[in-house]
Protein backbone atom coordinates (compact mmCIF):
# COMPACT_ATOMS: atom_id res chain seq x y z
CA MET A 1 -77.43 -123.47 78.20
CA LYS A 2 -81.05 -123.17 79.22
CA ALA A 3 -83.83 -125.24 78.44
CA LEU A 4 -85.70 -122.23 77.31
CA GLU A 5 -83.26 -121.55 74.69
CA LEU A 6 -83.43 -125.08 73.81
CA ARG A 7 -86.81 -125.39 73.26
CA GLY A 8 -86.77 -122.65 70.84
CA GLN A 9 -83.93 -124.58 68.35
CA SER A 10 -85.17 -126.92 65.65
CA GLU A 11 -84.62 -130.67 66.16
CA ALA A 12 -81.98 -130.41 63.72
CA GLU A 13 -79.92 -127.90 65.75
CA LEU A 14 -80.45 -129.95 69.03
CA ARG A 15 -79.17 -133.20 67.46
CA LYS A 16 -76.00 -131.40 66.51
CA ALA A 17 -75.04 -129.70 69.95
CA LEU A 18 -75.95 -133.09 71.06
CA GLN A 19 -73.05 -134.56 69.39
CA ASP A 20 -70.94 -131.40 70.17
CA LEU A 21 -71.82 -132.22 73.76
CA LEU A 22 -70.77 -135.76 73.18
CA LYS A 23 -67.46 -134.76 71.98
CA GLU A 24 -66.55 -132.16 74.48
CA GLN A 25 -67.45 -134.89 77.43
CA PHE A 26 -65.03 -137.36 75.47
CA ASN A 27 -62.32 -134.56 75.49
CA LEU A 28 -62.91 -133.67 78.97
CA ARG A 29 -62.66 -137.37 79.99
CA MET A 30 -59.39 -137.87 77.86
CA GLN A 31 -57.84 -134.85 79.61
CA ARG A 32 -58.88 -136.52 82.97
CA GLY A 33 -57.13 -139.71 82.12
CA THR A 34 -54.35 -137.81 81.04
CA GLY A 35 -53.75 -135.57 84.05
CA GLN A 36 -54.04 -131.87 82.29
CA PHE A 37 -57.40 -131.91 83.61
CA SER A 38 -57.62 -128.39 85.51
CA ARG A 39 -61.07 -127.47 85.51
CA PRO A 40 -63.35 -130.73 86.86
CA HIS A 41 -66.73 -128.12 86.88
CA LEU A 42 -66.86 -128.74 83.35
CA MET A 43 -67.66 -132.30 83.49
CA LYS A 44 -70.35 -131.87 85.75
CA ASP A 45 -71.34 -128.60 83.34
CA ALA A 46 -71.06 -131.16 80.34
CA ARG A 47 -73.16 -133.78 82.01
CA ARG A 48 -76.58 -131.81 82.95
CA ASN A 49 -76.03 -129.90 79.36
CA ILE A 50 -76.38 -133.42 77.48
CA ALA A 51 -79.65 -134.26 79.84
CA ARG A 52 -81.09 -130.95 79.07
CA VAL A 53 -80.61 -131.56 75.27
CA LYS A 54 -82.13 -135.21 75.58
CA THR A 55 -84.81 -133.80 77.81
CA VAL A 56 -86.04 -131.74 75.22
CA LEU A 57 -85.71 -134.11 72.13
CA ASN A 58 -88.01 -136.43 74.07
CA GLU A 59 -90.16 -133.73 74.72
CA MET A 60 -90.56 -133.24 71.15
CA ARG A 61 -90.88 -136.57 70.13
CA GLN A 62 -93.66 -137.16 72.72
CA ALA A 63 -95.55 -133.96 71.32
CA GLY A 64 -95.33 -135.46 68.00
CA GLU A 65 -96.89 -138.55 68.67
CA ALA A 66 -100.04 -137.03 70.49
């Protein structure tokens, strides 16, 4: 997921993507807690994707205020 792709989406789509990413992150944490975690790099990817979506949402909000 790239920031350029995210900037082309609407705010509703970004909020839905953020919700999905947060669910994915939760599921990964639960897998790690139960010992079923096989690919630890996915935690880092999920965290970074969440940050990207939040950054684009914040940019949209600030552009709307200006």
